[in-house]
Amino acid sequence: MQKGLSLRSFLAEGGQTQVLILAGIVILIAVAGGIFFLGRMTTPKPQPSPLSTEAPAKVEDPTANWKTSISKGGEFSFKYPPSWYPEDNPGYPGGNNVGFFLVGTKADHGYGDHKGNEVFTFELSDDNRSLADLKNNYYKDATELTISGKPALRTSFNLFIIKPSQTKVLNIVGGTEEARKYIDQILSTFRFD
C-alpha cells in the first residue's frame, strides 16, 4: 500500500485477492483453534479408578475339616480325609506301619502276597541309604521331589519315599483310586519335626 492510498483505492487496484487470502487464513486458524479447544473440553479426562474396598476372596482350605495323624515318635504329622480312619498294622509293632481304611469298613492289612483294603499306608523305618542309592538300585523310574522341605522320590506306582533324617526313611503308599484323589493334598499337609 502506498502512502495516502485509501482502502477503496487499494481494493480497486487488485488488493481484493490479498484481503480474501488473509481473511481465509484467519478463518482457518480460528476454526482449527475452535476444534482443538472444543475437543479438549468434550474429551473426558481419564479418572483414576477408585481403590477397591472389598477384601480379596478367601481361598478355602480343602483340608480344613480333615483329621491329623501324628507318628508315634512325633517325627511327622499330616492330615487325612474324615472318611478314613487309621489303624496300626499288628505285624509291625511300635506304630511305625499304619494303614488308613474307609470309615464303615473292617481293617484288612495287606502284607506279602495278601492284598488288604487299605486306601493309604505309611511305614517309618531305620534306613541309612541315601535317596540316590535307593533310586539307582531299586527305583530307577522315580522322580525326585521335595515334600515339606525333605528330599523325596515318587515312583510310577505311587510309592513316595521321604528321607526325614539321615537314618530314617518314610514310605508312603497311596496307590488306590481313593488315595489318588487326595494324595497331593495329603502330601501338602506333611510337617516334619
N, C-alpha and C. Protein backbone atom coordinates (compact mmCIF):
# COMPACT_ATOMS: atom_id res chain seq x y z
N MET A 1 0.83 -1.17 0.00
CA MET A 1 0.00 0.00 0.00
C MET A 1 0.88 1.24 0.00
N GLN A 2 0.53 2.11 -0.83
CA GLN A 2 1.27 3.37 -0.90
C GLN A 2 0.68 4.35 0.10
N LYS A 3 1.50 5.33 0.44
CA LYS A 3 1.09 6.32 1.41
C LYS A 3 -0.06 7.15 0.84
N GLY A 4 -1.08 7.31 1.66
CA GLY A 4 -2.21 8.11 1.25
C GLY A 4 -3.22 7.34 0.43
N LEU A 5 -3.01 6.07 0.27
CA LEU A 5 -3.92 5.24 -0.52
C LEU A 5 -5.03 4.77 0.40
N SER A 6 -6.26 4.92 0.00
CA SER A 6 -7.38 4.51 0.84
C SER A 6 -7.68 3.03 0.61
N LEU A 7 -8.46 2.47 1.46
CA LEU A 7 -8.83 1.05 1.36
C LEU A 7 -9.56 0.82 0.06
N ARG A 8 -10.40 1.81 -0.32
CA ARG A 8 -11.15 1.66 -1.57
C ARG A 8 -10.22 1.62 -2.76
N SER A 9 -9.27 2.51 -2.76
CA SER A 9 -8.37 2.53 -3.90
C SER A 9 -7.49 1.29 -3.89
N PHE A 10 -7.11 0.76 -2.71
CA PHE A 10 -6.31 -0.47 -2.62
C PHE A 10 -7.07 -1.64 -3.20
N LEU A 11 -8.36 -1.72 -2.83
CA LEU A 11 -9.19 -2.81 -3.33
C LEU A 11 -9.41 -2.66 -4.82
N ALA A 12 -9.54 -1.43 -5.26
CA ALA A 12 -9.76 -1.18 -6.69
C ALA A 12 -8.53 -1.55 -7.49
N GLU A 13 -7.35 -1.45 -6.93
CA GLU A 13 -6.12 -1.76 -7.64
C GLU A 13 -5.79 -3.25 -7.58
N GLY A 14 -6.66 -4.14 -7.15
CA GLY A 14 -6.39 -5.58 -7.15
C GLY A 14 -6.04 -6.13 -5.79
N GLY A 15 -6.21 -5.42 -4.78
CA GLY A 15 -5.89 -5.88 -3.42
C GLY A 15 -6.95 -6.79 -2.83
N GLN A 16 -8.04 -6.96 -3.58
CA GLN A 16 -9.12 -7.84 -3.09
C GLN A 16 -8.60 -9.25 -2.86
N THR A 17 -7.81 -9.76 -3.72
CA THR A 17 -7.32 -11.13 -3.62
C THR A 17 -6.49 -11.29 -2.35
N GLN A 18 -5.65 -10.32 -2.11
CA GLN A 18 -4.80 -10.41 -0.91
C GLN A 18 -5.64 -10.38 0.36
N VAL A 19 -6.65 -9.56 0.39
CA VAL A 19 -7.52 -9.46 1.56
C VAL A 19 -8.29 -10.76 1.75
N LEU A 20 -8.78 -11.32 0.64
CA LEU A 20 -9.52 -12.58 0.74
C LEU A 20 -8.62 -13.72 1.24
N ILE A 21 -7.40 -13.76 0.75
CA ILE A 21 -6.46 -14.80 1.21
C ILE A 21 -6.19 -14.62 2.69
N LEU A 22 -5.93 -13.40 3.10
CA LEU A 22 -5.64 -13.11 4.50
C LEU A 22 -6.86 -13.46 5.37
N ALA A 23 -8.05 -13.12 4.92
CA ALA A 23 -9.28 -13.43 5.67
C ALA A 23 -9.47 -14.94 5.76
N GLY A 24 -9.17 -15.65 4.67
CA GLY A 24 -9.30 -17.11 4.67
C GLY A 24 -8.36 -17.75 5.67
N ILE A 25 -7.11 -17.25 5.73
CA ILE A 25 -6.13 -17.80 6.69
C ILE A 25 -6.60 -17.56 8.11
N VAL A 26 -7.09 -16.36 8.37
CA VAL A 26 -7.58 -16.04 9.73
C VAL A 26 -8.75 -16.95 10.09
N ILE A 27 -9.67 -17.18 9.14
CA ILE A 27 -10.83 -18.04 9.41
C ILE A 27 -10.37 -19.48 9.67
N LEU A 28 -9.44 -19.98 8.85
CA LEU A 28 -8.93 -21.35 9.06
C LEU A 28 -8.28 -21.50 10.42
N ILE A 29 -7.50 -20.53 10.82
CA ILE A 29 -6.86 -20.60 12.14
C ILE A 29 -7.91 -20.57 13.24
N ALA A 30 -8.93 -19.75 13.07
CA ALA A 30 -9.99 -19.67 14.07
C ALA A 30 -10.76 -20.99 14.17
N VAL A 31 -11.06 -21.60 13.01
CA VAL A 31 -11.81 -22.87 13.01
C VAL A 31 -10.96 -23.98 13.63
N ALA A 32 -9.68 -24.08 13.25
CA ALA A 32 -8.79 -25.12 13.79
C ALA A 32 -8.63 -24.96 15.30
N GLY A 33 -8.45 -23.71 15.72
CA GLY A 33 -8.32 -23.47 17.17
C GLY A 33 -9.59 -23.83 17.91
N GLY A 34 -10.74 -23.50 17.33
CA GLY A 34 -12.02 -23.84 17.95
C GLY A 34 -12.20 -25.35 18.08
N ILE A 35 -11.85 -26.08 17.00
CA ILE A 35 -11.98 -27.55 17.04
C ILE A 35 -11.05 -28.13 18.11
N PHE A 36 -9.82 -27.62 18.17
CA PHE A 36 -8.86 -28.11 19.16
C PHE A 36 -9.38 -27.91 20.58
N PHE A 37 -9.80 -26.68 20.89
CA PHE A 37 -10.27 -26.40 22.24
C PHE A 37 -11.59 -27.10 22.56
N LEU A 38 -12.46 -27.19 21.58
CA LEU A 38 -13.73 -27.89 21.79
C LEU A 38 -13.46 -29.37 22.06
N GLY A 39 -12.52 -29.95 21.31
CA GLY A 39 -12.17 -31.36 21.51
C GLY A 39 -11.60 -31.61 22.90
N ARG A 40 -10.80 -30.69 23.40
CA ARG A 40 -10.22 -30.85 24.74
C ARG A 40 -11.29 -30.75 25.82
N MET A 41 -12.28 -29.93 25.57
CA MET A 41 -13.32 -29.75 26.58
C MET A 41 -14.27 -30.94 26.61
N THR A 42 -14.52 -31.58 25.46
CA THR A 42 -15.51 -32.66 25.44
C THR A 42 -14.88 -34.04 25.64
N THR A 43 -13.56 -34.17 25.52
CA THR A 43 -12.92 -35.46 25.74
C THR A 43 -12.78 -35.68 27.24
N PRO A 44 -13.38 -36.75 27.75
CA PRO A 44 -13.29 -36.96 29.19
C PRO A 44 -11.84 -37.27 29.59
N LYS A 45 -11.43 -36.67 30.67
CA LYS A 45 -10.09 -36.92 31.18
C LYS A 45 -10.12 -38.24 31.93
N PRO A 46 -9.06 -39.04 31.76
CA PRO A 46 -9.05 -40.32 32.48
C PRO A 46 -9.05 -40.07 33.99
N GLN A 47 -9.90 -40.77 34.66
CA GLN A 47 -10.01 -40.64 36.10
C GLN A 47 -9.36 -41.86 36.75
N PRO A 48 -8.66 -41.66 37.83
CA PRO A 48 -8.10 -42.83 38.50
C PRO A 48 -9.23 -43.70 39.03
N SER A 49 -9.07 -45.00 38.87
CA SER A 49 -10.12 -45.90 39.35
C SER A 49 -10.08 -45.92 40.87
N PRO A 50 -11.25 -45.92 41.47
CA PRO A 50 -11.27 -45.92 42.94
C PRO A 50 -10.69 -47.23 43.46
N LEU A 51 -10.01 -47.16 44.59
CA LEU A 51 -9.47 -48.37 45.20
C LEU A 51 -10.61 -49.24 45.68
N SER A 52 -10.46 -50.51 45.44
CA SER A 52 -11.49 -51.44 45.87
C SER A 52 -11.46 -51.56 47.38
N THR A 53 -12.63 -51.51 47.96
CA THR A 53 -12.71 -51.67 49.41
C THR A 53 -13.09 -53.09 49.77
N GLU A 54 -13.30 -53.94 48.74
CA GLU A 54 -13.66 -55.32 49.00
C GLU A 54 -12.42 -56.11 49.38
N ALA A 55 -12.56 -56.99 50.33
CA ALA A 55 -11.46 -57.87 50.71
C ALA A 55 -11.28 -58.92 49.62
N PRO A 56 -10.02 -59.34 49.37
CA PRO A 56 -9.83 -60.38 48.36
C PRO A 56 -10.56 -61.66 48.76
N ALA A 57 -11.02 -62.37 47.75
CA ALA A 57 -11.75 -63.61 48.03
C ALA A 57 -10.87 -64.56 48.82
N LYS A 58 -11.42 -65.11 49.86
CA LYS A 58 -10.68 -66.04 50.69
C LYS A 58 -10.65 -67.41 50.02
N VAL A 59 -9.46 -67.96 49.92
CA VAL A 59 -9.33 -69.29 49.35
C VAL A 59 -9.54 -70.28 50.49
N GLU A 60 -10.52 -71.12 50.31
CA GLU A 60 -10.85 -72.07 51.35
C GLU A 60 -9.88 -73.24 51.35
N ASP A 61 -9.41 -73.64 52.52
CA ASP A 61 -8.50 -74.77 52.67
C ASP A 61 -9.32 -76.05 52.56
N PRO A 62 -9.08 -76.86 51.51
CA PRO A 62 -9.86 -78.09 51.35
C PRO A 62 -9.59 -79.12 52.45
N THR A 63 -8.51 -78.92 53.21
CA THR A 63 -8.19 -79.87 54.28
C THR A 63 -8.59 -79.34 55.67
N ALA A 64 -9.33 -78.24 55.69
CA ALA A 64 -9.67 -77.60 56.97
C ALA A 64 -10.40 -78.53 57.93
N ASN A 65 -11.28 -79.39 57.42
CA ASN A 65 -12.04 -80.27 58.33
C ASN A 65 -11.46 -81.68 58.38
N TRP A 66 -10.24 -81.85 57.90
CA TRP A 66 -9.59 -83.15 57.94
C TRP A 66 -9.03 -83.44 59.33
N LYS A 67 -8.78 -84.70 59.59
CA LYS A 67 -8.17 -85.13 60.85
C LYS A 67 -6.65 -85.10 60.69
N THR A 68 -5.95 -85.09 61.81
CA THR A 68 -4.49 -85.06 61.80
C THR A 68 -3.93 -86.34 62.38
N SER A 69 -2.98 -86.93 61.70
CA SER A 69 -2.27 -88.11 62.18
C SER A 69 -0.87 -87.68 62.58
N ILE A 70 -0.44 -88.10 63.75
CA ILE A 70 0.91 -87.81 64.25
C ILE A 70 1.61 -89.13 64.48
N SER A 71 2.82 -89.27 63.94
CA SER A 71 3.55 -90.52 64.14
C SER A 71 3.81 -90.75 65.62
N LYS A 72 3.96 -92.02 66.00
CA LYS A 72 4.13 -92.37 67.43
C LYS A 72 5.30 -91.64 68.07
N GLY A 73 6.38 -91.47 67.34
CA GLY A 73 7.55 -90.78 67.89
C GLY A 73 7.51 -89.28 67.69
N GLY A 74 6.46 -88.78 67.05
CA GLY A 74 6.32 -87.34 66.81
C GLY A 74 7.23 -86.81 65.72
N GLU A 75 7.78 -87.70 64.88
CA GLU A 75 8.69 -87.26 63.81
C GLU A 75 7.98 -86.48 62.71
N PHE A 76 6.70 -86.79 62.50
CA PHE A 76 5.96 -86.11 61.43
C PHE A 76 4.47 -86.14 61.73
N SER A 77 3.75 -85.28 61.02
CA SER A 77 2.29 -85.28 61.10
C SER A 77 1.76 -84.94 59.72
N PHE A 78 0.50 -85.27 59.47
CA PHE A 78 -0.16 -84.95 58.21
C PHE A 78 -1.66 -85.04 58.42
N LYS A 79 -2.40 -84.48 57.49
CA LYS A 79 -3.86 -84.53 57.56
C LYS A 79 -4.38 -85.59 56.59
N TYR A 80 -5.55 -86.15 56.94
CA TYR A 80 -6.20 -87.15 56.08
C TYR A 80 -7.71 -86.91 56.10
N PRO A 81 -8.41 -87.37 55.06
CA PRO A 81 -9.85 -87.11 54.95
C PRO A 81 -10.65 -87.71 56.11
N PRO A 82 -11.73 -87.06 56.50
CA PRO A 82 -12.54 -87.56 57.61
C PRO A 82 -13.25 -88.88 57.30
N SER A 83 -13.28 -89.28 56.03
CA SER A 83 -13.92 -90.55 55.67
C SER A 83 -12.95 -91.73 55.81
N TRP A 84 -11.76 -91.49 56.33
CA TRP A 84 -10.76 -92.54 56.58
C TRP A 84 -10.52 -92.67 58.08
N TYR A 85 -10.02 -93.83 58.48
CA TYR A 85 -9.56 -93.99 59.86
C TYR A 85 -8.25 -94.77 59.85
N PRO A 86 -7.34 -94.46 60.80
CA PRO A 86 -6.05 -95.14 60.86
C PRO A 86 -6.09 -96.36 61.78
N GLU A 87 -5.23 -97.31 61.48
CA GLU A 87 -5.06 -98.47 62.36
C GLU A 87 -3.63 -98.98 62.21
N ASP A 88 -2.97 -99.14 63.37
CA ASP A 88 -1.62 -99.70 63.34
C ASP A 88 -1.66 -101.09 62.75
N ASN A 89 -0.65 -101.43 61.95
CA ASN A 89 -0.54 -102.78 61.40
C ASN A 89 0.01 -103.68 62.50
N PRO A 90 -0.75 -104.71 62.91
CA PRO A 90 -0.30 -105.56 64.02
C PRO A 90 0.99 -106.32 63.70
N GLY A 91 1.32 -106.47 62.43
CA GLY A 91 2.56 -107.15 62.06
C GLY A 91 3.80 -106.29 62.25
N TYR A 92 3.61 -105.00 62.54
CA TYR A 92 4.72 -104.08 62.76
C TYR A 92 4.50 -103.36 64.09
N PRO A 93 4.94 -103.97 65.19
CA PRO A 93 4.72 -103.33 66.49
C PRO A 93 5.44 -101.98 66.59
N GLY A 94 4.90 -101.12 67.39
CA GLY A 94 5.51 -99.81 67.62
C GLY A 94 4.84 -98.68 66.86
N GLY A 95 3.84 -98.98 66.05
CA GLY A 95 3.10 -97.92 65.37
C GLY A 95 3.84 -97.29 64.21
N ASN A 96 4.86 -97.95 63.70
CA ASN A 96 5.61 -97.37 62.59
C ASN A 96 5.07 -97.80 61.23
N ASN A 97 4.02 -98.62 61.22
CA ASN A 97 3.35 -99.01 59.98
C ASN A 97 1.86 -98.86 60.23
N VAL A 98 1.26 -97.86 59.60
CA VAL A 98 -0.14 -97.55 59.84
C VAL A 98 -0.89 -97.56 58.51
N GLY A 99 -2.02 -98.26 58.52
CA GLY A 99 -2.90 -98.28 57.35
C GLY A 99 -4.10 -97.38 57.59
N PHE A 100 -4.62 -96.81 56.52
CA PHE A 100 -5.83 -95.99 56.61
C PHE A 100 -6.91 -96.67 55.79
N PHE A 101 -8.10 -96.77 56.38
CA PHE A 101 -9.21 -97.50 55.79
C PHE A 101 -10.43 -96.60 55.70
N LEU A 102 -11.34 -96.94 54.82
CA LEU A 102 -12.58 -96.17 54.71
C LEU A 102 -13.46 -96.43 55.93
N VAL A 103 -14.02 -95.37 56.48
CA VAL A 103 -14.95 -95.49 57.60
C VAL A 103 -16.09 -96.42 57.17
N GLY A 104 -16.44 -97.35 58.04
CA GLY A 104 -17.52 -98.29 57.74
C GLY A 104 -17.01 -99.62 57.19
N THR A 105 -15.69 -99.72 56.98
CA THR A 105 -15.12 -101.00 56.53
C THR A 105 -14.27 -101.57 57.64
N LYS A 106 -14.11 -102.89 57.63
CA LYS A 106 -13.24 -103.55 58.61
C LYS A 106 -11.82 -103.53 58.06
N ALA A 107 -10.88 -103.17 58.92
CA ALA A 107 -9.48 -103.09 58.50
C ALA A 107 -8.95 -104.46 58.14
N ASP A 108 -8.35 -104.55 56.97
CA ASP A 108 -7.70 -105.77 56.50
C ASP A 108 -6.34 -105.35 55.94
N HIS A 109 -5.31 -105.51 56.77
CA HIS A 109 -3.96 -105.07 56.40
C HIS A 109 -3.36 -105.99 55.36
N GLY A 110 -2.78 -105.38 54.34
CA GLY A 110 -2.08 -106.15 53.32
C GLY A 110 -0.67 -106.46 53.78
N TYR A 111 -0.17 -107.61 53.40
CA TYR A 111 1.22 -107.99 53.69
C TYR A 111 1.60 -109.12 52.73
N GLY A 112 2.85 -109.11 52.29
CA GLY A 112 3.31 -110.14 51.36
C GLY A 112 2.42 -110.17 50.12
N ASP A 113 1.89 -111.36 49.81
CA ASP A 113 1.01 -111.52 48.66
C ASP A 113 -0.45 -111.19 48.97
N HIS A 114 -0.75 -110.97 50.24
CA HIS A 114 -2.13 -110.66 50.64
C HIS A 114 -2.42 -109.18 50.40
N LYS A 115 -3.40 -108.92 49.56
CA LYS A 115 -3.80 -107.53 49.29
C LYS A 115 -4.88 -107.14 50.28
N GLY A 116 -4.59 -106.13 51.08
CA GLY A 116 -5.57 -105.66 52.05
C GLY A 116 -6.48 -104.61 51.44
N ASN A 117 -7.25 -103.96 52.30
CA ASN A 117 -8.16 -102.93 51.81
C ASN A 117 -7.77 -101.53 52.27
N GLU A 118 -6.48 -101.34 52.55
CA GLU A 118 -6.01 -100.00 52.91
C GLU A 118 -6.18 -99.06 51.72
N VAL A 119 -6.48 -97.82 52.03
CA VAL A 119 -6.51 -96.81 50.96
C VAL A 119 -5.19 -96.05 50.95
N PHE A 120 -4.46 -96.11 52.07
CA PHE A 120 -3.24 -95.33 52.23
C PHE A 120 -2.45 -95.96 53.36
N THR A 121 -1.13 -96.08 53.22
CA THR A 121 -0.30 -96.59 54.33
C THR A 121 0.98 -95.78 54.42
N PHE A 122 1.54 -95.79 55.63
CA PHE A 122 2.90 -95.26 55.77
C PHE A 122 3.68 -96.19 56.68
N GLU A 123 4.97 -96.22 56.43
CA GLU A 123 5.88 -97.02 57.26
C GLU A 123 7.15 -96.20 57.47
N LEU A 124 7.49 -95.97 58.72
CA LEU A 124 8.72 -95.28 59.08
C LEU A 124 9.70 -96.33 59.57
N SER A 125 10.86 -96.39 58.94
CA SER A 125 11.84 -97.41 59.34
C SER A 125 13.25 -96.85 59.35
N ASP A 126 14.14 -97.56 60.04
CA ASP A 126 15.55 -97.20 60.05
C ASP A 126 16.14 -97.56 58.70
N ASP A 127 16.88 -96.64 58.10
CA ASP A 127 17.50 -96.89 56.81
C ASP A 127 18.55 -95.81 56.57
N ASN A 128 19.81 -96.22 56.48
CA ASN A 128 20.91 -95.29 56.29
C ASN A 128 21.20 -94.99 54.83
N ARG A 129 20.52 -95.68 53.92
CA ARG A 129 20.79 -95.47 52.50
C ARG A 129 20.30 -94.09 52.07
N SER A 130 21.00 -93.53 51.10
CA SER A 130 20.59 -92.22 50.56
C SER A 130 19.49 -92.42 49.53
N LEU A 131 18.78 -91.35 49.22
CA LEU A 131 17.76 -91.42 48.18
C LEU A 131 18.39 -91.75 46.82
N ALA A 132 19.59 -91.23 46.58
CA ALA A 132 20.28 -91.53 45.31
C ALA A 132 20.55 -93.03 45.20
N ASP A 133 20.96 -93.65 46.30
CA ASP A 133 21.20 -95.10 46.31
C ASP A 133 19.89 -95.86 46.06
N LEU A 134 18.83 -95.45 46.71
CA LEU A 134 17.54 -96.12 46.52
C LEU A 134 17.07 -95.97 45.07
N LYS A 135 17.25 -94.78 44.51
CA LYS A 135 16.82 -94.56 43.13
C LYS A 135 17.67 -95.38 42.16
N ASN A 136 18.97 -95.32 42.30
CA ASN A 136 19.87 -96.00 41.37
C ASN A 136 19.75 -97.52 41.43
N ASN A 137 19.49 -98.07 42.61
CA ASN A 137 19.47 -99.53 42.77
C ASN A 137 18.09 -100.17 42.78
N TYR A 138 17.05 -99.40 43.08
CA TYR A 138 15.73 -100.02 43.23
C TYR A 138 14.61 -99.32 42.44
N TYR A 139 14.65 -98.01 42.37
CA TYR A 139 13.55 -97.25 41.79
C TYR A 139 14.05 -96.33 40.67
N LYS A 140 14.56 -96.91 39.63
CA LYS A 140 15.18 -96.15 38.53
C LYS A 140 14.18 -95.20 37.86
N ASP A 141 12.90 -95.54 37.91
CA ASP A 141 11.87 -94.69 37.28
C ASP A 141 11.40 -93.55 38.17
N ALA A 142 11.93 -93.46 39.39
CA ALA A 142 11.43 -92.48 40.36
C ALA A 142 11.78 -91.05 39.96
N THR A 143 10.88 -90.16 40.33
CA THR A 143 11.06 -88.72 40.13
C THR A 143 11.47 -88.11 41.46
N GLU A 144 12.48 -87.25 41.43
CA GLU A 144 12.91 -86.58 42.65
C GLU A 144 12.02 -85.37 42.92
N LEU A 145 11.67 -85.16 44.18
CA LEU A 145 10.87 -84.01 44.58
C LEU A 145 11.17 -83.67 46.02
N THR A 146 10.53 -82.65 46.52
CA THR A 146 10.68 -82.24 47.91
C THR A 146 9.29 -82.21 48.53
N ILE A 147 9.18 -82.79 49.71
CA ILE A 147 7.90 -82.78 50.44
C ILE A 147 8.16 -82.13 51.79
N SER A 148 7.55 -81.00 52.00
CA SER A 148 7.70 -80.23 53.23
C SER A 148 9.17 -80.03 53.60
N GLY A 149 9.97 -79.70 52.57
CA GLY A 149 11.38 -79.41 52.79
C GLY A 149 12.29 -80.62 52.88
N LYS A 150 11.74 -81.81 52.73
CA LYS A 150 12.55 -83.04 52.82
C LYS A 150 12.70 -83.65 51.43
N PRO A 151 13.89 -84.19 51.12
CA PRO A 151 14.07 -84.84 49.81
C PRO A 151 13.22 -86.10 49.72
N ALA A 152 12.69 -86.35 48.52
CA ALA A 152 11.78 -87.48 48.36
C ALA A 152 11.86 -88.03 46.93
N LEU A 153 11.31 -89.23 46.76
CA LEU A 153 11.16 -89.87 45.46
C LEU A 153 9.70 -90.23 45.26
N ARG A 154 9.25 -90.20 44.02
CA ARG A 154 7.90 -90.66 43.67
C ARG A 154 8.07 -91.68 42.55
N THR A 155 7.60 -92.89 42.80
CA THR A 155 7.72 -93.94 41.79
C THR A 155 6.49 -93.96 40.89
N SER A 156 6.59 -94.74 39.84
CA SER A 156 5.47 -94.81 38.89
C SER A 156 4.25 -95.49 39.48
N PHE A 157 4.41 -96.24 40.55
CA PHE A 157 3.26 -96.93 41.15
C PHE A 157 2.80 -96.25 42.44
N ASN A 158 3.04 -94.93 42.54
CA ASN A 158 2.56 -94.09 43.65
C ASN A 158 3.13 -94.46 45.01
N LEU A 159 4.38 -94.88 45.02
CA LEU A 159 5.11 -95.04 46.27
C LEU A 159 5.93 -93.77 46.44
N PHE A 160 5.81 -93.17 47.60
CA PHE A 160 6.60 -91.98 47.93
C PHE A 160 7.61 -92.39 48.99
N ILE A 161 8.86 -92.02 48.78
CA ILE A 161 9.92 -92.34 49.72
C ILE A 161 10.52 -91.01 50.17
N ILE A 162 10.43 -90.74 51.47
CA ILE A 162 10.91 -89.47 52.02
C ILE A 162 12.03 -89.77 53.01
N LYS A 163 13.07 -88.96 52.99
CA LYS A 163 14.16 -89.08 53.96
C LYS A 163 14.01 -87.96 54.99
N PRO A 164 13.28 -88.22 56.10
CA PRO A 164 13.13 -87.17 57.11
C PRO A 164 14.42 -86.92 57.89
N SER A 165 15.34 -87.91 57.87
CA SER A 165 16.64 -87.75 58.52
C SER A 165 17.63 -88.68 57.83
N GLN A 166 18.90 -88.60 58.23
CA GLN A 166 19.93 -89.45 57.62
C GLN A 166 19.70 -90.93 57.93
N THR A 167 19.03 -91.23 59.05
CA THR A 167 18.89 -92.62 59.49
C THR A 167 17.49 -93.19 59.33
N LYS A 168 16.57 -92.42 58.80
CA LYS A 168 15.18 -92.87 58.67
C LYS A 168 14.70 -92.73 57.22
N VAL A 169 13.74 -93.59 56.87
CA VAL A 169 13.05 -93.46 55.59
C VAL A 169 11.56 -93.63 55.86
N LEU A 170 10.78 -92.81 55.21
CA LEU A 170 9.32 -92.88 55.34
C LEU A 170 8.77 -93.30 53.99
N ASN A 171 8.13 -94.47 53.96
CA ASN A 171 7.48 -94.96 52.75
C ASN A 171 6.00 -94.70 52.86
N ILE A 172 5.44 -94.11 51.82
CA ILE A 172 4.02 -93.82 51.77
C ILE A 172 3.45 -94.47 50.53
N VAL A 173 2.41 -95.26 50.70
CA VAL A 173 1.76 -95.89 49.55
C VAL A 173 0.34 -95.34 49.47
N GLY A 174 0.04 -94.75 48.35
CA GLY A 174 -1.29 -94.19 48.13
C GLY A 174 -1.77 -94.55 46.74
N GLY A 175 -1.68 -95.81 46.40
CA GLY A 175 -1.96 -96.24 45.04
C GLY A 175 -3.41 -96.56 44.71
N THR A 176 -4.29 -96.55 45.70
CA THR A 176 -5.70 -96.85 45.41
C THR A 176 -6.37 -95.65 44.76
N GLU A 177 -7.45 -95.90 44.09
CA GLU A 177 -8.21 -94.81 43.45
C GLU A 177 -8.63 -93.78 44.50
N GLU A 178 -9.07 -94.25 45.64
CA GLU A 178 -9.50 -93.35 46.72
C GLU A 178 -8.34 -92.46 47.17
N ALA A 179 -7.16 -93.03 47.32
CA ALA A 179 -5.99 -92.26 47.77
C ALA A 179 -5.53 -91.29 46.69
N ARG A 180 -5.57 -91.70 45.44
CA ARG A 180 -5.10 -90.84 44.35
C ARG A 180 -5.90 -89.54 44.28
N LYS A 181 -7.16 -89.56 44.70
CA LYS A 181 -7.98 -88.34 44.70
C LYS A 181 -7.40 -87.29 45.66
N TYR A 182 -6.73 -87.77 46.72
CA TYR A 182 -6.30 -86.87 47.80
C TYR A 182 -4.80 -86.78 47.99
N ILE A 183 -4.01 -87.57 47.27
CA ILE A 183 -2.59 -87.69 47.61
C ILE A 183 -1.85 -86.36 47.61
N ASP A 184 -2.08 -85.52 46.64
CA ASP A 184 -1.37 -84.23 46.60
C ASP A 184 -1.75 -83.35 47.78
N GLN A 185 -3.03 -83.37 48.15
CA GLN A 185 -3.45 -82.57 49.31
C GLN A 185 -2.84 -83.15 50.59
N ILE A 186 -2.82 -84.47 50.72
CA ILE A 186 -2.23 -85.10 51.91
C ILE A 186 -0.76 -84.72 52.00
N LEU A 187 -0.03 -84.88 50.91
CA LEU A 187 1.40 -84.57 50.92
C LEU A 187 1.67 -83.10 51.25
N SER A 188 0.77 -82.21 50.83
CA SER A 188 0.96 -80.79 51.12
C SER A 188 0.80 -80.47 52.60
N THR A 189 0.18 -81.38 53.36
CA THR A 189 -0.02 -81.13 54.80
C THR A 189 1.06 -81.74 55.68
N PHE A 190 2.00 -82.47 55.09
CA PHE A 190 3.05 -83.10 55.90
C PHE A 190 3.91 -82.05 56.61
N ARG A 191 4.21 -82.33 57.87
CA ARG A 191 5.12 -81.50 58.67
C ARG A 191 6.08 -82.43 59.37
N PHE A 192 7.36 -82.07 59.34
CA PHE A 192 8.39 -82.88 60.00
C PHE A 192 8.99 -82.10 61.15
N ASP A 193 9.24 -82.81 62.27
CA ASP A 193 9.86 -82.17 63.44
C ASP A 193 11.28 -82.60 63.59
